[in-house]
């Protein structure tokens, strides 16, 4: 089990590094796309474009309790927590 947890932590740390690197590239691409008139790039089989979307949410403290109780949905899920001391 100890070896498996160590491998998991190592993989998680690598994933974090790659996520940071990915975010850096993402921001550079977005900056470059803003300078292109239609905010889209397509060349040599590679495409990048900017799209906007809108997500609507509500918060419990902004909704009458009877409506919250009637329409809110709780979804259970499992979460693995692994730490190195």
PDB file of N, CA and C in Angstrom:
ATOM      1  N   UNK A   1       0.831  -1.194   0.000  1.00  0.00           N
ATOM      2  CA  UNK A   1       0.000   0.000   0.000  1.00  0.00           C
ATOM      3  C   UNK A   1       0.877   1.260   0.000  1.00  0.00           C
ATOM      4  N   UNK A   2       1.959   1.238   0.797  1.00  0.00           N
ATOM      5  CA  UNK A   2       2.816   2.421   0.891  1.00  0.00           C
ATOM      6  C   UNK A   2       3.402   2.788  -0.477  1.00  0.00           C
ATOM      7  N   UNK A   3       3.859   1.778  -1.217  1.00  0.00           N
ATOM      8  CA  UNK A   3       4.434   2.032  -2.534  1.00  0.00           C
ATOM      9  C   UNK A   3       3.383   2.604  -3.489  1.00  0.00           C
ATOM     10  N   UNK A   4       2.186   2.076  -3.410  1.00  0.00           N
ATOM     11  CA  UNK A   4       1.100   2.547  -4.263  1.00  0.00           C
ATOM     12  C   UNK A   4       0.751   4.000  -3.952  1.00  0.00           C
ATOM     13  N   UNK A   5       0.704   4.350  -2.662  1.00  0.00           N
ATOM     14  CA  UNK A   5       0.410   5.733  -2.267  1.00  0.00           C
ATOM     15  C   UNK A   5       1.530   6.662  -2.729  1.00  0.00           C
ATOM     16  N   UNK A   6       2.778   6.219  -2.592  1.00  0.00           N
ATOM     17  CA  UNK A   6       3.916   7.029  -3.050  1.00  0.00           C
ATOM     18  C   UNK A   6       3.827   7.291  -4.556  1.00  0.00           C
ATOM     19  N   UNK A   7       3.483   6.258  -5.328  1.00  0.00           N
ATOM     20  CA  UNK A   7       3.333   6.422  -6.774  1.00  0.00           C
ATOM     21  C   UNK A   7       2.190   7.371  -7.096  1.00  0.00           C
ATOM     22  N   UNK A   8       1.114   7.270  -6.341  1.00  0.00           N
ATOM     23  CA  UNK A   8      -0.037   8.152  -6.540  1.00  0.00           C
ATOM     24  C   UNK A   8       0.365   9.612  -6.301  1.00  0.00           C
ATOM     25  N   UNK A   9       1.067   9.855  -5.204  1.00  0.00           N
ATOM     26  CA  UNK A   9       1.491  11.221  -4.878  1.00  0.00           C
ATOM     27  C   UNK A   9       2.426  11.755  -5.960  1.00  0.00           C
ATOM     28  N   UNK A  10       3.346  10.923  -6.432  1.00  0.00           N
ATOM     29  CA  UNK A  10       4.261  11.340  -7.491  1.00  0.00           C
ATOM     30  C   UNK A  10       3.478  11.705  -8.762  1.00  0.00           C
ATOM     31  N   UNK A  11       2.530  10.858  -9.139  1.00  0.00           N
ATOM     32  CA  UNK A  11       1.721  11.128 -10.329  1.00  0.00           C
ATOM     33  C   UNK A  11       0.895  12.395 -10.161  1.00  0.00           C
ATOM     34  N   UNK A  12       0.340  12.605  -8.960  1.00  0.00           N
ATOM     35  CA  UNK A  12      -0.458  13.807  -8.694  1.00  0.00           C
ATOM     36  C   UNK A  12       0.410  15.055  -8.831  1.00  0.00           C
ATOM     37  N   UNK A  13       1.636  14.995  -8.308  1.00  0.00           N
ATOM     38  CA  UNK A  13       2.546  16.140  -8.404  1.00  0.00           C
ATOM     39  C   UNK A  13       2.908  16.432  -9.859  1.00  0.00           C
ATOM     40  N   UNK A  14       3.148  15.386 -10.647  1.00  0.00           N
ATOM     41  CA  UNK A  14       3.437  15.571 -12.076  1.00  0.00           C
ATOM     42  C   UNK A  14       2.227  16.181 -12.789  1.00  0.00           C
ATOM     43  N   UNK A  15       1.039  15.700 -12.453  1.00  0.00           N
ATOM     44  CA  UNK A  15      -0.181  16.231 -13.067  1.00  0.00           C
ATOM     45  C   UNK A  15      -0.332  17.713 -12.744  1.00  0.00           C
ATOM     46  N   UNK A  16      -0.010  18.100 -11.515  1.00  0.00           N
ATOM     47  CA  UNK A  16      -0.084  19.507 -11.123  1.00  0.00           C
ATOM     48  C   UNK A  16       0.895  20.346 -11.944  1.00  0.00           C
ATOM     49  N   UNK A  17       2.108  19.838 -12.130  1.00  0.00           N
ATOM     50  CA  UNK A  17       3.099  20.548 -12.944  1.00  0.00           C
ATOM     51  C   UNK A  17       2.588  20.736 -14.367  1.00  0.00           C
ATOM     52  N   UNK A  18       2.056  19.674 -14.950  1.00  0.00           N
ATOM     53  CA  UNK A  18       1.558  19.762 -16.325  1.00  0.00           C
ATOM     54  C   UNK A  18       0.332  20.660 -16.426  1.00  0.00           C
ATOM     55  N   UNK A  19      -0.503  20.672 -15.404  1.00  0.00           N
ATOM     56  CA  UNK A  19      -1.669  21.558 -15.409  1.00  0.00           C
ATOM     57  C   UNK A  19      -1.218  23.016 -15.408  1.00  0.00           C
ATOM     58  N   UNK A  20      -0.196  23.336 -14.604  1.00  0.00           N
ATOM     59  CA  UNK A  20       0.335  24.707 -14.584  1.00  0.00           C
ATOM     60  C   UNK A  20       0.916  25.086 -15.931  1.00  0.00           C
ATOM     61  N   UNK A  21       1.651  24.158 -16.543  1.00  0.00           N
ATOM     62  CA  UNK A  21       2.226  24.401 -17.861  1.00  0.00           C
ATOM     63  C   UNK A  21       1.128  24.595 -18.897  1.00  0.00           C
ATOM     64  N   UNK A  22       0.088  23.772 -18.815  1.00  0.00           N
ATOM     65  CA  UNK A  22      -1.041  23.881 -19.727  1.00  0.00           C
ATOM     66  C   UNK A  22      -1.726  25.237 -19.576  1.00  0.00           C
ATOM     67  N   UNK A  23      -1.900  25.710 -18.354  1.00  0.00           N
ATOM     68  CA  UNK A  23      -2.527  27.010 -18.121  1.00  0.00           C
ATOM     69  C   UNK A  23      -1.679  28.136 -18.706  1.00  0.00           C
ATOM     70  N   UNK A  24      -0.357  28.017 -18.619  1.00  0.00           N
ATOM     71  CA  UNK A  24       0.532  29.020 -19.201  1.00  0.00           C
ATOM     72  C   UNK A  24       0.332  29.086 -20.707  1.00  0.00           C
ATOM     73  N   UNK A  25       0.327  27.923 -21.365  1.00  0.00           N
ATOM     74  CA  UNK A  25       0.111  27.887 -22.810  1.00  0.00           C
ATOM     75  C   UNK A  25      -1.264  28.413 -23.174  1.00  0.00           C
ATOM     76  N   UNK A  26      -2.252  28.053 -22.394  1.00  0.00           N
ATOM     77  CA  UNK A  26      -3.630  28.484 -22.641  1.00  0.00           C
ATOM     78  C   UNK A  26      -3.725  30.011 -22.618  1.00  0.00           C
ATOM     79  N   UNK A  27      -3.120  30.635 -21.626  1.00  0.00           N
ATOM     80  CA  UNK A  27      -3.172  32.097 -21.524  1.00  0.00           C
ATOM     81  C   UNK A  27      -2.441  32.762 -22.685  1.00  0.00           C
ATOM     82  N   UNK A  28      -1.319  32.200 -23.106  1.00  0.00           N
ATOM     83  CA  UNK A  28      -0.590  32.763 -24.248  1.00  0.00           C
ATOM     84  C   UNK A  28      -1.415  32.651 -25.523  1.00  0.00           C
ATOM     85  N   UNK A  29      -2.058  31.501 -25.724  1.00  0.00           N
ATOM     86  CA  UNK A  29      -2.903  31.308 -26.909  1.00  0.00           C
ATOM     87  C   UNK A  29      -4.071  32.293 -26.887  1.00  0.00           C
ATOM     88  N   UNK A  30      -4.718  32.443 -25.728  1.00  0.00           N
ATOM     89  CA  UNK A  30      -5.849  33.376 -25.623  1.00  0.00           C
ATOM     90  C   UNK A  30      -5.406  34.799 -25.930  1.00  0.00           C
ATOM     91  N   UNK A  31      -4.232  35.186 -25.445  1.00  0.00           N
ATOM     92  CA  UNK A  31      -3.712  36.530 -25.703  1.00  0.00           C
ATOM     93  C   UNK A  31      -3.487  36.732 -27.195  1.00  0.00           C
ATOM     94  N   UNK A  32      -2.906  35.728 -27.848  1.00  0.00           N
ATOM     95  CA  UNK A  32      -2.657  35.834 -29.280  1.00  0.00           C
ATOM     96  C   UNK A  32      -3.962  35.847 -30.079  1.00  0.00           C
ATOM     97  N   UNK A  33      -4.942  35.062 -29.669  1.00  0.00           N
ATOM     98  CA  UNK A  33      -6.222  35.019 -30.382  1.00  0.00           C
ATOM     99  C   UNK A  33      -6.968  36.345 -30.300  1.00  0.00           C
ATOM    100  N   UNK A  34      -6.775  37.078 -29.221  1.00  0.00           N
ATOM    101  CA  UNK A  34      -7.459  38.369 -29.073  1.00  0.00           C
ATOM    102  C   UNK A  34      -7.016  39.365 -30.137  1.00  0.00           C
ATOM    103  N   UNK A  35      -5.806  39.166 -30.679  1.00  0.00           N
ATOM    104  CA  UNK A  35      -5.289  40.059 -31.717  1.00  0.00           C
ATOM    105  C   UNK A  35      -5.753  39.671 -33.116  1.00  0.00           C
ATOM    106  N   UNK A  36      -6.352  38.497 -33.264  1.00  0.00           N
ATOM    107  CA  UNK A  36      -6.849  38.036 -34.556  1.00  0.00           C
ATOM    108  C   UNK A  36      -8.304  38.483 -34.702  1.00  0.00           C
ATOM    109  N   UNK A  37      -8.676  39.096 -35.844  1.00  0.00           N
ATOM    110  CA  UNK A  37     -10.023  39.654 -36.002  1.00  0.00           C
ATOM    111  C   UNK A  37     -11.177  38.711 -35.647  1.00  0.00           C
ATOM    112  N   UNK A  38     -11.180  37.484 -36.117  1.00  0.00           N
ATOM    113  CA  UNK A  38     -12.310  36.598 -35.819  1.00  0.00           C
ATOM    114  C   UNK A  38     -12.039  35.695 -34.618  1.00  0.00           C
ATOM    115  N   UNK A  39     -10.945  35.933 -33.915  1.00  0.00           N
ATOM    116  CA  UNK A  39     -10.562  35.177 -32.715  1.00  0.00           C
ATOM    117  C   UNK A  39     -10.503  33.676 -32.969  1.00  0.00           C
ATOM    118  N   UNK A  40     -10.003  33.316 -34.152  1.00  0.00           N
ATOM    119  CA  UNK A  40      -9.869  31.912 -34.500  1.00  0.00           C
ATOM    120  C   UNK A  40      -8.609  31.714 -35.331  1.00  0.00           C
ATOM    121  N   UNK A  41      -7.954  30.583 -35.110  1.00  0.00           N
ATOM    122  CA  UNK A  41      -6.742  30.220 -35.837  1.00  0.00           C
ATOM    123  C   UNK A  41      -6.937  28.820 -36.391  1.00  0.00           C
ATOM    124  N   UNK A  42      -6.578  28.645 -37.665  1.00  0.00           N
ATOM    125  CA  UNK A  42      -6.667  27.325 -38.278  1.00  0.00           C
ATOM    126  C   UNK A  42      -5.591  27.237 -39.342  1.00  0.00           C
ATOM    127  N   UNK A  43      -4.645  26.332 -39.108  1.00  0.00           N
ATOM    128  CA  UNK A  43      -3.570  26.154 -40.073  1.00  0.00           C
ATOM    129  C   UNK A  43      -2.892  24.819 -39.813  1.00  0.00           C
ATOM    130  N   UNK A  44      -2.552  24.105 -40.874  1.00  0.00           N
ATOM    131  CA  UNK A  44      -1.843  22.822 -40.791  1.00  0.00           C
ATOM    132  C   UNK A  44      -2.555  21.813 -39.892  1.00  0.00           C
ATOM    133  N   UNK A  45      -3.873  21.800 -39.937  1.00  0.00           N
ATOM    134  CA  UNK A  45      -4.634  20.834 -39.151  1.00  0.00           C
ATOM    135  C   UNK A  45      -4.769  21.182 -37.677  1.00  0.00           C
ATOM    136  N   UNK A  46      -4.352  22.374 -37.297  1.00  0.00           N
ATOM    137  CA  UNK A  46      -4.445  22.822 -35.906  1.00  0.00           C
ATOM    138  C   UNK A  46      -5.452  23.955 -35.839  1.00  0.00           C
ATOM    139  N   UNK A  47      -6.340  23.894 -34.872  1.00  0.00           N
ATOM    140  CA  UNK A  47      -7.349  24.932 -34.711  1.00  0.00           C
ATOM    141  C   UNK A  47      -7.365  25.433 -33.275  1.00  0.00           C
ATOM    142  N   UNK A  48      -7.594  26.717 -33.131  1.00  0.00           N
ATOM    143  CA  UNK A  48      -7.783  27.325 -31.819  1.00  0.00           C
ATOM    144  C   UNK A  48      -8.777  28.456 -31.997  1.00  0.00           C
ATOM    145  N   UNK A  49      -9.725  28.570 -31.099  1.00  0.00           N
ATOM    146  CA  UNK A  49     -10.710  29.642 -31.204  1.00  0.00           C
ATOM    147  C   UNK A  49     -11.190  30.028 -29.809  1.00  0.00           C
ATOM    148  N   UNK A  50     -11.752  31.201 -29.728  1.00  0.00           N
ATOM    149  CA  UNK A  50     -12.306  31.701 -28.470  1.00  0.00           C
ATOM    150  C   UNK A  50     -13.820  31.630 -28.581  1.00  0.00           C
ATOM    151  N   UNK A  51     -14.447  31.072 -27.574  1.00  0.00           N
ATOM    152  CA  UNK A  51     -15.896  31.022 -27.516  1.00  0.00           C
ATOM    153  C   UNK A  51     -16.326  31.527 -26.146  1.00  0.00           C
ATOM    154  N   UNK A  52     -17.466  32.150 -26.099  1.00  0.00           N
ATOM    155  CA  UNK A  52     -18.016  32.633 -24.842  1.00  0.00           C
ATOM    156  C   UNK A  52     -19.227  31.794 -24.470  1.00  0.00           C
ATOM    157  N   UNK A  53     -19.377  31.558 -23.201  1.00  0.00           N
ATOM    158  CA  UNK A  53     -20.555  30.852 -22.730  1.00  0.00           C
ATOM    159  C   UNK A  53     -21.022  31.511 -21.435  1.00  0.00           C
ATOM    160  N   UNK A  54     -22.229  31.184 -21.050  1.00  0.00           N
ATOM    161  CA  UNK A  54     -22.822  31.768 -19.859  1.00  0.00           C
ATOM    162  C   UNK A  54     -23.391  30.651 -19.009  1.00  0.00           C
ATOM    163  N   UNK A  55     -23.066  30.655 -17.750  1.00  0.00           N
ATOM    164  CA  UNK A  55     -23.592  29.654 -16.825  1.00  0.00           C
ATOM    165  C   UNK A  55     -24.382  30.375 -15.753  1.00  0.00           C
ATOM    166  N   UNK A  56     -25.578  29.932 -15.516  1.00  0.00           N
ATOM    167  CA  UNK A  56     -26.427  30.529 -14.491  1.00  0.00           C
ATOM    168  C   UNK A  56     -26.471  29.617 -13.272  1.00  0.00           C
ATOM    169  N   UNK A  57     -26.338  30.202 -12.107  1.00  0.00           N
ATOM    170  CA  UNK A  57     -26.392  29.439 -10.869  1.00  0.00           C
ATOM    171  C   UNK A  57     -27.217  30.196  -9.835  1.00  0.00           C
ATOM    172  N   UNK A  58     -27.623  29.484  -8.814  1.00  0.00           N
ATOM    173  CA  UNK A  58     -28.277  30.135  -7.687  1.00  0.00           C
ATOM    174  C   UNK A  58     -27.580  29.672  -6.410  1.00  0.00           C
ATOM    175  N   UNK A  59     -27.688  30.459  -5.395  1.00  0.00           N
ATOM    176  CA  UNK A  59     -27.124  30.109  -4.105  1.00  0.00           C
ATOM    177  C   UNK A  59     -28.258  29.963  -3.101  1.00  0.00           C
ATOM    178  N   UNK A  60     -28.053  29.087  -2.162  1.00  0.00           N
ATOM    179  CA  UNK A  60     -29.091  28.776  -1.182  1.00  0.00           C
ATOM    180  C   UNK A  60     -29.580  30.030  -0.456  1.00  0.00           C
ATOM    181  N   UNK A  61     -28.671  30.928  -0.107  1.00  0.00           N
ATOM    182  CA  UNK A  61     -29.083  32.116   0.636  1.00  0.00           C
ATOM    183  C   UNK A  61     -29.811  33.149  -0.234  1.00  0.00           C
ATOM    184  N   UNK A  62     -29.880  32.929  -1.551  1.00  0.00           N
ATOM    185  CA  UNK A  62     -30.593  33.846  -2.446  1.00  0.00           C
ATOM    186  C   UNK A  62     -31.961  33.320  -2.868  1.00  0.00           C
ATOM    187  N   UNK A  63     -32.348  32.149  -2.339  1.00  0.00           N
ATOM    188  CA  UNK A  63     -33.587  31.497  -2.761  1.00  0.00           C
ATOM    189  C   UNK A  63     -34.445  31.229  -1.527  1.00  0.00           C
ATOM    190  N   UNK A  64     -35.752  31.453  -1.624  1.00  0.00           N
ATOM    191  CA  UNK A  64     -36.617  31.109  -0.495  1.00  0.00           C
ATOM    192  C   UNK A  64     -36.455  29.631  -0.125  1.00  0.00           C
ATOM    193  N   UNK A  65     -36.444  29.332   1.153  1.00  0.00           N
ATOM    194  CA  UNK A  65     -36.150  27.973   1.619  1.00  0.00           C
ATOM    195  C   UNK A  65     -37.115  26.923   1.077  1.00  0.00           C
ATOM    196  N   UNK A  66     -38.409  27.268   0.929  1.00  0.00           N
ATOM    197  CA  UNK A  66     -39.359  26.276   0.410  1.00  0.00           C
ATOM    198  C   UNK A  66     -39.027  25.889  -1.037  1.00  0.00           C
ATOM    199  N   UNK A  67     -38.597  26.858  -1.828  1.00  0.00           N
ATOM    200  CA  UNK A  67     -38.222  26.572  -3.215  1.00  0.00           C
ATOM    201  C   UNK A  67     -36.918  25.763  -3.242  1.00  0.00           C
ATOM    202  N   UNK A  68     -35.975  26.137  -2.382  1.00  0.00           N
ATOM    203  CA  UNK A  68     -34.714  25.398  -2.317  1.00  0.00           C
ATOM    204  C   UNK A  68     -34.965  23.934  -1.950  1.00  0.00           C
ATOM    205  N   UNK A  69     -35.791  23.715  -0.954  1.00  0.00           N
ATOM    206  CA  UNK A  69     -36.085  22.349  -0.517  1.00  0.00           C
ATOM    207  C   UNK A  69     -36.764  21.541  -1.620  1.00  0.00           C
ATOM    208  N   UNK A  70     -37.606  22.207  -2.403  1.00  0.00           N
ATOM    209  CA  UNK A  70     -38.353  21.514  -3.444  1.00  0.00           C
ATOM    210  C   UNK A  70     -37.486  21.180  -4.656  1.00  0.00           C
ATOM    211  N   UNK A  71     -36.585  22.075  -5.056  1.00  0.00           N
ATOM    212  CA  UNK A  71     -35.881  21.923  -6.324  1.00  0.00           C
ATOM    213  C   UNK A  71     -34.389  21.609  -6.216  1.00  0.00           C
ATOM    214  N   UNK A  72     -33.798  21.731  -5.066  1.00  0.00           N
ATOM    215  CA  UNK A  72     -32.361  21.466  -4.973  1.00  0.00           C
ATOM    216  C   UNK A  72     -32.090  19.967  -5.101  1.00  0.00           C
ATOM    217  N   UNK A  73     -30.931  19.656  -5.639  1.00  0.00           N
ATOM    218  CA  UNK A  73     -30.539  18.263  -5.841  1.00  0.00           C
ATOM    219  C   UNK A  73     -29.186  18.050  -5.178  1.00  0.00           C
ATOM    220  N   UNK A  74     -29.089  17.020  -4.367  1.00  0.00           N
ATOM    221  CA  UNK A  74     -27.813  16.657  -3.751  1.00  0.00           C
ATOM    222  C   UNK A  74     -27.313  15.385  -4.409  1.00  0.00           C
ATOM    223  N   UNK A  75     -26.074  15.421  -4.830  1.00  0.00           N
ATOM    224  CA  UNK A  75     -25.480  14.272  -5.504  1.00  0.00           C
ATOM    225  C   UNK A  75     -24.311  13.763  -4.669  1.00  0.00           C
ATOM    226  N   UNK A  76     -24.425  12.559  -4.121  1.00  0.00           N
ATOM    227  CA  UNK A  76     -23.313  12.022  -3.330  1.00  0.00           C
ATOM    228  C   UNK A  76     -22.175  11.546  -4.237  1.00  0.00           C
ATOM    229  N   UNK A  77     -20.966  11.653  -3.763  1.00  0.00           N
ATOM    230  CA  UNK A  77     -19.820  11.155  -4.506  1.00  0.00           C
ATOM    231  C   UNK A  77     -18.730  10.772  -3.524  1.00  0.00           C
ATOM    232  N   UNK A  78     -17.838   9.914  -3.984  1.00  0.00           N
ATOM    233  CA  UNK A  78     -16.714   9.501  -3.164  1.00  0.00           C
ATOM    234  C   UNK A  78     -15.498  10.328  -3.541  1.00  0.00           C
ATOM    235  N   UNK A  79     -14.656  10.607  -2.562  1.00  0.00           N
ATOM    236  CA  UNK A  79     -13.458  11.385  -2.820  1.00  0.00           C
ATOM    237  C   UNK A  79     -12.299  10.705  -2.102  1.00  0.00           C
ATOM    238  N   UNK A  80     -11.218  10.480  -2.820  1.00  0.00           N
ATOM    239  CA  UNK A  80     -10.023   9.901  -2.233  1.00  0.00           C
ATOM    240  C   UNK A  80      -9.129  11.039  -1.776  1.00  0.00           C
ATOM    241  N   UNK A  81      -8.710  10.997  -0.534  1.00  0.00           N
ATOM    242  CA  UNK A  81      -7.808  12.015   0.011  1.00  0.00           C
ATOM    243  C   UNK A  81      -6.495  11.315   0.330  1.00  0.00           C
ATOM    244  N   UNK A  82      -5.412  11.755  -0.316  1.00  0.00           N
ATOM    245  CA  UNK A  82      -4.100  11.177  -0.097  1.00  0.00           C
ATOM    246  C   UNK A  82      -3.145  12.304   0.227  1.00  0.00           C
ATOM    247  N   UNK A  83      -2.421  12.180   1.328  1.00  0.00           N
ATOM    248  CA  UNK A  83      -1.456  13.208   1.737  1.00  0.00           C
ATOM    249  C   UNK A  83      -0.162  12.534   2.165  1.00  0.00           C
ATOM    250  N   UNK A  84       0.892  13.288   2.085  1.00  0.00           N
ATOM    251  CA  UNK A  84       2.164  12.819   2.604  1.00  0.00           C
ATOM    252  C   UNK A  84       2.461  13.653   3.843  1.00  0.00           C
ATOM    253  N   UNK A  85       2.717  12.987   4.948  1.00  0.00           N
ATOM    254  CA  UNK A  85       2.947  13.695   6.219  1.00  0.00           C
ATOM    255  C   UNK A  85       4.277  14.371   6.264  1.00  0.00           C
TER     256      UNK A  85
END
